[in-house]
PDB file of N, CA and C in Angstrom:
ATOM      1  N   MET A   1       2.149  43.649  26.385  1.00  0.00           N
ATOM      2  CA  MET A   1       3.292  43.273  25.582  1.00  0.00           C
ATOM      3  C   MET A   1       3.916  41.980  26.091  1.00  0.00           C
ATOM      4  N   MET A   2       3.826  41.769  27.408  1.00  0.00           N
ATOM      5  CA  MET A   2       4.421  40.578  28.009  1.00  0.00           C
ATOM      6  C   MET A   2       3.724  39.307  27.511  1.00  0.00           C
ATOM      7  N   LEU A   3       2.400  39.344  27.410  1.00  0.00           N
ATOM      8  CA  LEU A   3       1.635  38.188  26.937  1.00  0.00           C
ATOM      9  C   LEU A   3       1.970  37.891  25.477  1.00  0.00           C
ATOM     10  N   ARG A   4       2.123  38.959  24.695  1.00  0.00           N
ATOM     11  CA  ARG A   4       2.462  38.776  23.283  1.00  0.00           C
ATOM     12  C   ARG A   4       3.832  38.105  23.139  1.00  0.00           C
ATOM     13  N   ASP A   5       4.801  38.497  23.942  1.00  0.00           N
ATOM     14  CA  ASP A   5       6.133  37.877  23.899  1.00  0.00           C
ATOM     15  C   ASP A   5       6.075  36.418  24.330  1.00  0.00           C
ATOM     16  N   GLN A   6       5.263  36.119  25.321  1.00  0.00           N
ATOM     17  CA  GLN A   6       5.123  34.734  25.773  1.00  0.00           C
ATOM     18  C   GLN A   6       4.493  33.870  24.684  1.00  0.00           C
ATOM     19  N   ILE A   7       3.469  34.383  24.043  1.00  0.00           N
ATOM     20  CA  ILE A   7       2.819  33.634  22.965  1.00  0.00           C
ATOM     21  C   ILE A   7       3.790  33.433  21.810  1.00  0.00           C
ATOM     22  N   HIS A   8       4.522  34.494  21.465  1.00  0.00           N
ATOM     23  CA  HIS A   8       5.497  34.400  20.374  1.00  0.00           C
ATOM     24  C   HIS A   8       6.573  33.364  20.715  1.00  0.00           C
ATOM     25  N   CYS A   9       7.063  33.371  21.943  1.00  0.00           N
ATOM     26  CA  CYS A   9       8.081  32.402  22.372  1.00  0.00           C
ATOM     27  C   CYS A   9       7.536  30.980  22.316  1.00  0.00           C
ATOM     28  N   CYS A  10       6.287  30.806  22.779  1.00  0.00           N
ATOM     29  CA  CYS A  10       5.664  29.471  22.778  1.00  0.00           C
ATOM     30  C   CYS A  10       5.457  28.966  21.348  1.00  0.00           C
ATOM     31  N   LEU A  11       4.978  29.812  20.467  1.00  0.00           N
ATOM     32  CA  LEU A  11       4.768  29.423  19.069  1.00  0.00           C
ATOM     33  C   LEU A  11       6.087  29.130  18.360  1.00  0.00           C
ATOM     34  N   ASP A  12       7.099  29.927  18.669  1.00  0.00           N
ATOM     35  CA  ASP A  12       8.405  29.701  18.060  1.00  0.00           C
ATOM     36  C   ASP A  12       8.996  28.369  18.511  1.00  0.00           C
ATOM     37  N   ARG A  13       8.848  28.058  19.782  1.00  0.00           N
ATOM     38  CA  ARG A  13       9.344  26.775  20.303  1.00  0.00           C
ATOM     39  C   ARG A  13       8.571  25.607  19.667  1.00  0.00           C
ATOM     40  N   PHE A  14       7.251  25.777  19.514  1.00  0.00           N
ATOM     41  CA  PHE A  14       6.431  24.744  18.883  1.00  0.00           C
ATOM     42  C   PHE A  14       6.842  24.530  17.426  1.00  0.00           C
ATOM     43  N   ARG A  15       7.146  25.615  16.721  1.00  0.00           N
ATOM     44  CA  ARG A  15       7.533  25.517  15.310  1.00  0.00           C
ATOM     45  C   ARG A  15       8.872  24.792  15.144  1.00  0.00           C
ATOM     46  N   ARG A  16       9.805  24.996  16.066  1.00  0.00           N
ATOM     47  CA  ARG A  16      11.122  24.364  15.967  1.00  0.00           C
ATOM     48  C   ARG A  16      11.133  22.916  16.454  1.00  0.00           C
ATOM     49  N   ASP A  17      10.116  22.515  17.227  1.00  0.00           N
ATOM     50  CA  ASP A  17      10.091  21.165  17.788  1.00  0.00           C
ATOM     51  C   ASP A  17       9.722  20.163  16.694  1.00  0.00           C
ATOM     52  N   GLU A  18      10.560  19.140  16.506  1.00  0.00           N
ATOM     53  CA  GLU A  18      10.337  18.125  15.477  1.00  0.00           C
ATOM     54  C   GLU A  18      10.099  16.750  16.074  1.00  0.00           C
ATOM     55  N   ALA A  19       9.720  16.674  17.328  1.00  0.00           N
ATOM     56  CA  ALA A  19       9.573  15.385  18.000  1.00  0.00           C
ATOM     57  C   ALA A  19       8.468  14.526  17.388  1.00  0.00           C
ATOM     58  N   GLY A  20       7.383  15.112  16.961  1.00  0.00           N
ATOM     59  CA  GLY A  20       6.282  14.336  16.406  1.00  0.00           C
ATOM     60  C   GLY A  20       6.348  14.151  14.903  1.00  0.00           C
ATOM     61  N   ALA A  21       7.291  14.797  14.251  1.00  0.00           N
ATOM     62  CA  ALA A  21       7.365  14.744  12.789  1.00  0.00           C
ATOM     63  C   ALA A  21       7.698  13.341  12.293  1.00  0.00           C
ATOM     64  N   VAL A  22       8.588  12.650  12.978  1.00  0.00           N
ATOM     65  CA  VAL A  22       8.968  11.299  12.556  1.00  0.00           C
ATOM     66  C   VAL A  22       7.785  10.352  12.707  1.00  0.00           C
ATOM     67  N   THR A  23       7.050  10.493  13.782  1.00  0.00           N
ATOM     68  CA  THR A  23       5.869   9.656  13.984  1.00  0.00           C
ATOM     69  C   THR A  23       4.848   9.895  12.886  1.00  0.00           C
ATOM     70  N   THR A  24       4.642  11.138  12.541  1.00  0.00           N
ATOM     71  CA  THR A  24       3.702  11.459  11.469  1.00  0.00           C
ATOM     72  C   THR A  24       4.158  10.872  10.144  1.00  0.00           C
ATOM     73  N   ASP A  25       5.436  10.952   9.849  1.00  0.00           N
ATOM     74  CA  ASP A  25       5.969  10.358   8.614  1.00  0.00           C
ATOM     75  C   ASP A  25       5.721   8.860   8.576  1.00  0.00           C
ATOM     76  N   TRP A  26       5.992   8.179   9.678  1.00  0.00           N
ATOM     77  CA  TRP A  26       5.803   6.731   9.705  1.00  0.00           C
ATOM     78  C   TRP A  26       4.335   6.355   9.572  1.00  0.00           C
ATOM     79  N   VAL A  27       3.453   7.110  10.190  1.00  0.00           N
ATOM     80  CA  VAL A  27       2.021   6.824  10.078  1.00  0.00           C
ATOM     81  C   VAL A  27       1.569   7.002   8.636  1.00  0.00           C
ATOM     82  N   LEU A  28       2.002   8.071   7.985  1.00  0.00           N
ATOM     83  CA  LEU A  28       1.618   8.300   6.591  1.00  0.00           C
ATOM     84  C   LEU A  28       2.189   7.234   5.660  1.00  0.00           C
ATOM     85  N   LEU A  29       3.457   6.882   5.850  1.00  0.00           N
ATOM     86  CA  LEU A  29       4.061   5.851   5.007  1.00  0.00           C
ATOM     87  C   LEU A  29       3.398   4.492   5.212  1.00  0.00           C
ATOM     88  N   THR A  30       3.111   4.145   6.453  1.00  0.00           N
ATOM     89  CA  THR A  30       2.468   2.866   6.736  1.00  0.00           C
ATOM     90  C   THR A  30       1.073   2.813   6.139  1.00  0.00           C
ATOM     91  N   SER A  31       0.313   3.879   6.266  1.00  0.00           N
ATOM     92  CA  SER A  31      -1.030   3.886   5.687  1.00  0.00           C
ATOM     93  C   SER A  31      -0.974   3.833   4.166  1.00  0.00           C
ATOM     94  N   LEU A  32       0.029   4.448   3.567  1.00  0.00           N
ATOM     95  CA  LEU A  32       0.186   4.383   2.115  1.00  0.00           C
ATOM     96  C   LEU A  32       0.501   2.957   1.659  1.00  0.00           C
ATOM     97  N   VAL A  33       1.400   2.291   2.364  1.00  0.00           N
ATOM     98  CA  VAL A  33       1.739   0.908   2.015  1.00  0.00           C
ATOM     99  C   VAL A  33       0.522  -0.001   2.176  1.00  0.00           C
ATOM    100  N   ILE A  34      -0.229   0.179   3.244  1.00  0.00           N
ATOM    101  CA  ILE A  34      -1.421  -0.644   3.457  1.00  0.00           C
ATOM    102  C   ILE A  34      -2.456  -0.361   2.373  1.00  0.00           C
ATOM    103  N   GLY A  35      -2.645   0.890   2.020  1.00  0.00           N
ATOM    104  CA  GLY A  35      -3.607   1.229   0.970  1.00  0.00           C
ATOM    105  C   GLY A  35      -3.242   0.637  -0.377  1.00  0.00           C
ATOM    106  N   ILE A  36      -1.979   0.705  -0.742  1.00  0.00           N
ATOM    107  CA  ILE A  36      -1.529   0.123  -2.011  1.00  0.00           C
ATOM    108  C   ILE A  36      -1.674  -1.388  -1.979  1.00  0.00           C
ATOM    109  N   SER A  37      -1.368  -2.005  -0.845  1.00  0.00           N
ATOM    110  CA  SER A  37      -1.503  -3.460  -0.724  1.00  0.00           C
ATOM    111  C   SER A  37      -2.956  -3.898  -0.867  1.00  0.00           C
ATOM    112  N   VAL A  38      -3.863  -3.172  -0.251  1.00  0.00           N
ATOM    113  CA  VAL A  38      -5.287  -3.501  -0.363  1.00  0.00           C
ATOM    114  C   VAL A  38      -5.757  -3.338  -1.805  1.00  0.00           C
ATOM    115  N   ALA A  39      -5.328  -2.281  -2.461  1.00  0.00           N
ATOM    116  CA  ALA A  39      -5.729  -2.056  -3.854  1.00  0.00           C
ATOM    117  C   ALA A  39      -5.182  -3.150  -4.770  1.00  0.00           C
ATOM    118  N   ALA A  40      -3.917  -3.511  -4.586  1.00  0.00           N
ATOM    119  CA  ALA A  40      -3.322  -4.564  -5.422  1.00  0.00           C
ATOM    120  C   ALA A  40      -3.984  -5.909  -5.157  1.00  0.00           C
ATOM    121  N   THR A  41      -4.280  -6.191  -3.912  1.00  0.00           N
ATOM    122  CA  THR A  41      -4.937  -7.455  -3.573  1.00  0.00           C
ATOM    123  C   THR A  41      -6.325  -7.528  -4.182  1.00  0.00           C
ATOM    124  N   SER A  42      -7.058  -6.427  -4.170  1.00  0.00           N
ATOM    125  CA  SER A  42      -8.405  -6.455  -4.749  1.00  0.00           C
ATOM    126  C   SER A  42      -8.354  -6.654  -6.259  1.00  0.00           C
ATOM    127  N   VAL A  43      -7.361  -6.075  -6.924  1.00  0.00           N
ATOM    128  CA  VAL A  43      -7.233  -6.264  -8.367  1.00  0.00           C
ATOM    129  C   VAL A  43      -6.896  -7.720  -8.687  1.00  0.00           C
ATOM    130  N   VAL A  44      -5.938  -8.274  -7.969  1.00  0.00           N
ATOM    131  CA  VAL A  44      -5.541  -9.669  -8.207  1.00  0.00           C
ATOM    132  C   VAL A  44      -6.693 -10.610  -7.857  1.00  0.00           C
ATOM    133  N   TRP A  45      -7.359 -10.351  -6.750  1.00  0.00           N
ATOM    134  CA  TRP A  45      -8.431 -11.235  -6.295  1.00  0.00           C
ATOM    135  C   TRP A  45      -9.601 -11.234  -7.281  1.00  0.00           C
ATOM    136  N   SER A  46      -9.913 -10.081  -7.853  1.00  0.00           N
ATOM    137  CA  SER A  46     -11.035 -10.012  -8.785  1.00  0.00           C
ATOM    138  C   SER A  46     -10.739 -10.770 -10.077  1.00  0.00           C
ATOM    139  N   ASN A  47      -9.479 -10.876 -10.469  1.00  0.00           N
ATOM    140  CA  ASN A  47      -9.127 -11.602 -11.686  1.00  0.00           C
ATOM    141  C   ASN A  47      -8.856 -13.076 -11.436  1.00  0.00           C
ATOM    142  N   MET A  48      -8.821 -13.493 -10.201  1.00  0.00           N
ATOM    143  CA  MET A  48      -8.557 -14.910  -9.894  1.00  0.00           C
ATOM    144  C   MET A  48      -9.745 -15.805 -10.229  1.00  0.00           C
ATOM    145  N   GLY A  49     -10.939 -15.259 -10.319  1.00  0.00           N
ATOM    146  CA  GLY A  49     -12.124 -16.064 -10.615  1.00  0.00           C
ATOM    147  C   GLY A  49     -12.071 -16.679 -12.006  1.00  0.00           C
ATOM    148  N   LYS A  50     -11.466 -16.004 -12.958  1.00  0.00           N
ATOM    149  CA  LYS A  50     -11.381 -16.500 -14.334  1.00  0.00           C
ATOM    150  C   LYS A  50     -10.223 -17.460 -14.539  1.00  0.00           C
ATOM    151  N   LEU A  51      -9.271 -17.433 -13.662  1.00  0.00           N
ATOM    152  CA  LEU A  51      -8.030 -18.182 -13.866  1.00  0.00           C
ATOM    153  C   LEU A  51      -8.230 -19.694 -13.975  1.00  0.00           C
ATOM    154  N   PRO A  52      -8.994 -20.362 -13.098  1.00  0.00           N
ATOM    155  CA  PRO A  52      -9.169 -21.819 -13.255  1.00  0.00           C
ATOM    156  C   PRO A  52      -9.817 -22.203 -14.585  1.00  0.00           C
ATOM    157  N   ASP A  53     -10.771 -21.412 -15.037  1.00  0.00           N
ATOM    158  CA  ASP A  53     -11.407 -21.706 -16.328  1.00  0.00           C
ATOM    159  C   ASP A  53     -10.429 -21.534 -17.482  1.00  0.00           C
ATOM    160  N   ASP A  54      -9.598 -20.501 -17.406  1.00  0.00           N
ATOM    161  CA  ASP A  54      -8.593 -20.287 -18.452  1.00  0.00           C
ATOM    162  C   ASP A  54      -7.577 -21.421 -18.479  1.00  0.00           C
ATOM    163  N   ILE A  55      -7.154 -21.880 -17.324  1.00  0.00           N
ATOM    164  CA  ILE A  55      -6.192 -22.991 -17.259  1.00  0.00           C
ATOM    165  C   ILE A  55      -6.824 -24.265 -17.794  1.00  0.00           C
ATOM    166  N   ALA A  56      -8.071 -24.516 -17.425  1.00  0.00           N
ATOM    167  CA  ALA A  56      -8.754 -25.726 -17.879  1.00  0.00           C
ATOM    168  C   ALA A  56      -8.938 -25.718 -19.394  1.00  0.00           C
ATOM    169  N   SER A  57      -9.322 -24.591 -19.959  1.00  0.00           N
ATOM    170  CA  SER A  57      -9.533 -24.553 -21.413  1.00  0.00           C
ATOM    171  C   SER A  57      -8.203 -24.675 -22.155  1.00  0.00           C
ATOM    172  N   THR A  58      -7.143 -24.096 -21.624  1.00  0.00           N
ATOM    173  CA  THR A  58      -5.832 -24.207 -22.268  1.00  0.00           C
ATOM    174  C   THR A  58      -5.290 -25.622 -22.155  1.00  0.00           C
ATOM    175  N   ALA A  59      -5.432 -26.224 -20.987  1.00  0.00           N
ATOM    176  CA  ALA A  59      -4.919 -27.583 -20.788  1.00  0.00           C
ATOM    177  C   ALA A  59      -5.705 -28.603 -21.600  1.00  0.00           C
ATOM    178  N   SER A  60      -7.000 -28.398 -21.785  1.00  0.00           N
ATOM    179  CA  SER A  60      -7.782 -29.362 -22.565  1.00  0.00           C
ATOM    180  C   SER A  60      -7.492 -29.277 -24.053  1.00  0.00           C
ATOM    181  N   ALA A  61      -6.911 -28.197 -24.499  1.00  0.00           N
ATOM    182  CA  ALA A  61      -6.579 -28.045 -25.909  1.00  0.00           C
ATOM    183  C   ALA A  61      -5.304 -28.803 -26.287  1.00  0.00           C
ATOM    184  N   TYR A  62      -4.484 -29.156 -25.326  1.00  0.00           N
ATOM    185  CA  TYR A  62      -3.250 -29.866 -25.618  1.00  0.00           C
ATOM    186  C   TYR A  62      -3.505 -31.353 -25.783  1.00  0.00           C
ATOM    187  N   GLU A  63      -2.781 -31.940 -26.715  1.00  0.00           N
ATOM    188  CA  GLU A  63      -2.871 -33.395 -26.930  1.00  0.00           C
ATOM    189  C   GLU A  63      -1.581 -34.007 -26.408  1.00  0.00           C
ATOM    190  N   ILE A  64      -1.723 -34.964 -25.531  1.00  0.00           N
ATOM    191  CA  ILE A  64      -0.572 -35.604 -24.931  1.00  0.00           C
ATOM    192  C   ILE A  64      -0.295 -36.895 -25.690  1.00  0.00           C
ATOM    193  N   THR A  65       0.918 -36.997 -26.220  1.00  0.00           N
ATOM    194  CA  THR A  65       1.302 -38.213 -26.935  1.00  0.00           C
ATOM    195  C   THR A  65       2.160 -39.057 -25.993  1.00  0.00           C
ATOM    196  N   THR A  66       1.992 -40.358 -26.116  1.00  0.00           N
ATOM    197  CA  THR A  66       2.730 -41.269 -25.239  1.00  0.00           C
ATOM    198  C   THR A  66       3.851 -41.979 -25.946  1.00  0.00           C
ATOM    199  N   SER A  67       4.090 -41.690 -27.214  1.00  0.00           N
ATOM    200  CA  SER A  67       5.190 -42.326 -27.931  1.00  0.00           C
ATOM    201  C   SER A  67       6.086 -41.238 -28.527  1.00  0.00           C
ATOM    202  N   PHE A  68       7.289 -41.650 -28.891  1.00  0.00           N
ATOM    203  CA  PHE A  68       8.282 -40.727 -29.442  1.00  0.00           C
ATOM    204  C   PHE A  68       8.418 -40.912 -30.958  1.00  0.00           C
ATOM    205  N   ASP A  69       7.350 -41.024 -31.668  1.00  0.00           N
ATOM    206  CA  ASP A  69       7.398 -41.233 -33.121  1.00  0.00           C
ATOM    207  C   ASP A  69       7.648 -39.983 -33.878  1.00  0.00           C
TER     208      ASP A  69
END
């Protein structure tokens, strides 16, 4: 019975201890922010290849006039 009480006391103390909970929260939040940043960067980066061609075709369609007639 003595061993059972010791185990119960140890488990109860472990359950009430919150010392590592904040560290775990920060690790999870940081990894989430990094994951979202990587995903957003990959989406933006994959669409950047078309951007110079789109700008060039749009800019070449404009006619620039040099007089105010």
